[in-house]
């Protein structure tokens, strides 16, 4: 029968694994890439959303312009929502392909 680890030994093993992972160059690259794409997507969505809000606040006449049987504000509002879905899809595609592969490589190294 194998000997069970004490809670202190288990914590020490976990600390060692965490330290090893944090020092791994592939993990650092994984964290850098995830942060980079997350911040980029966030910035793009904030520009789109706040651009629409500022347009409503400072140029409401623009949104009142007629486009067919509706105003310009309707298709722009729908566009904001659609762009949010598109950005989400881009992130999910990236996460399911590149990010998951990078996570698997880091796990293999541990």
Protein backbone atom coordinates (compact mmCIF):
# COMPACT_ATOMS: atom_id res chain seq x y z
CA UNK A 1 0.00 0.00 0.00
CA UNK A 2 1.22 3.49 -0.77
CA UNK A 3 1.72 5.99 1.96
CA UNK A 4 -0.65 8.96 1.96
CA UNK A 5 0.78 12.46 1.88
CA UNK A 6 0.20 14.73 4.82
CA UNK A 7 -1.66 17.97 4.10
CA UNK A 8 1.63 19.88 4.44
CA UNK A 9 3.39 17.62 1.93
CA UNK A 10 0.47 17.91 -0.46
CA UNK A 11 0.53 21.72 -0.17
CA UNK A 12 4.29 21.72 -0.77
CA UNK A 13 3.82 19.59 -3.90
CA UNK A 14 1.09 21.94 -5.13
CA UNK A 15 3.26 24.98 -4.45
CA UNK A 16 6.15 23.40 -6.35
CA UNK A 17 3.92 22.59 -9.34
CA UNK A 18 2.45 26.11 -9.34
CA UNK A 19 5.93 27.66 -9.15
CA UNK A 20 7.17 25.40 -11.96
CA UNK A 21 4.17 26.35 -14.11
CA UNK A 22 4.59 30.09 -13.49
CA UNK A 23 8.24 29.89 -14.57
CA UNK A 24 7.48 27.91 -17.74
CA UNK A 25 8.10 30.02 -20.89
CA UNK A 26 5.15 28.43 -22.71
CA UNK A 27 2.83 29.32 -19.81
CA UNK A 28 4.11 32.89 -19.85
CA UNK A 29 3.43 33.06 -23.61
CA UNK A 30 -0.04 31.57 -23.05
CA UNK A 31 -0.86 34.20 -20.42
CA UNK A 32 0.55 37.00 -22.59
CA UNK A 33 -1.47 35.93 -25.66
CA UNK A 34 -4.69 35.54 -23.66
CA UNK A 35 -4.25 38.95 -22.06
CA UNK A 36 -3.43 40.52 -25.41
CA UNK A 37 -6.45 39.15 -27.26
CA UNK A 38 -8.78 39.81 -24.31
CA UNK A 39 -7.70 43.44 -23.99
CA UNK A 40 -7.87 43.97 -27.76
CA UNK A 41 -11.39 42.54 -27.99
CA UNK A 42 -12.48 44.57 -24.95
CA UNK A 43 -11.08 47.78 -26.45
CA UNK A 44 -12.81 47.14 -29.78
CA UNK A 45 -16.16 46.46 -28.13
CA UNK A 46 -15.86 49.51 -25.88
CA UNK A 47 -15.08 51.73 -28.88
CA UNK A 48 -18.09 50.39 -30.75
CA UNK A 49 -20.45 50.66 -27.78
CA UNK A 50 -19.31 54.03 -26.50
CA UNK A 51 -19.13 55.36 -30.06
CA UNK A 52 -22.82 54.54 -30.40
CA UNK A 53 -23.62 56.10 -27.00
CA UNK A 54 -21.66 59.27 -27.81
CA UNK A 55 -23.40 59.48 -31.17
CA UNK A 56 -26.74 59.37 -29.35
CA UNK A 57 -25.60 62.00 -26.86
CA UNK A 58 -23.81 64.46 -29.11
CA UNK A 59 -25.31 63.95 -32.58
CA UNK A 60 -28.85 62.69 -32.06
CA UNK A 61 -29.91 64.19 -35.38
CA UNK A 62 -27.64 61.73 -37.17
CA UNK A 63 -29.48 58.79 -35.66
CA UNK A 64 -32.84 60.34 -36.57
CA UNK A 65 -31.96 60.30 -40.27
CA UNK A 66 -34.35 58.20 -42.30
CA UNK A 67 -33.09 54.95 -43.77
CA UNK A 68 -35.93 53.30 -45.66
CA UNK A 69 -38.88 53.10 -43.29
CA UNK A 70 -36.70 53.31 -40.13
CA UNK A 71 -34.17 55.69 -38.65
CA UNK A 72 -30.39 55.24 -38.85
CA UNK A 73 -30.33 54.50 -35.12
CA UNK A 74 -32.09 51.15 -35.56
CA UNK A 75 -29.58 49.53 -37.94
CA UNK A 76 -26.66 51.02 -35.99
CA UNK A 77 -28.05 49.61 -32.72
CA UNK A 78 -28.54 46.23 -34.34
CA UNK A 79 -25.00 46.52 -35.71
CA UNK A 80 -23.61 47.07 -32.20
CA UNK A 81 -25.33 43.90 -31.01
CA UNK A 82 -24.21 41.91 -34.06
CA UNK A 83 -20.61 43.07 -33.67
CA UNK A 84 -20.67 41.91 -30.05
CA UNK A 85 -21.76 38.45 -31.24
CA UNK A 86 -19.11 38.46 -33.98
CA UNK A 87 -16.34 39.41 -31.53
CA UNK A 88 -17.55 36.67 -29.18
CA UNK A 89 -17.40 34.17 -32.04
CA UNK A 90 -13.89 35.27 -32.96
CA UNK A 91 -12.75 34.84 -29.34
CA UNK A 92 -14.40 31.42 -29.02
CA UNK A 93 -12.81 30.26 -32.27
CA UNK A 94 -9.39 31.46 -31.09
CA UNK A 95 -9.88 29.86 -27.66
CA UNK A 96 -11.01 26.53 -29.11
CA UNK A 97 -8.11 26.31 -31.52
CA UNK A 98 -4.95 28.11 -30.45
CA UNK A 99 -5.60 28.65 -26.73
CA UNK A 100 -6.71 25.08 -25.99
CA UNK A 101 -3.68 23.72 -27.86
CA UNK A 102 -1.36 25.98 -25.87
CA UNK A 103 -2.97 24.86 -22.58
CA UNK A 104 -2.53 21.22 -23.56
CA UNK A 105 1.18 21.79 -24.34
CA UNK A 106 1.71 23.49 -20.96
CA UNK A 107 -0.07 20.66 -19.14
CA UNK A 108 2.12 18.07 -20.91
CA UNK A 109 5.25 19.82 -19.70
CA UNK A 110 4.21 19.68 -16.06
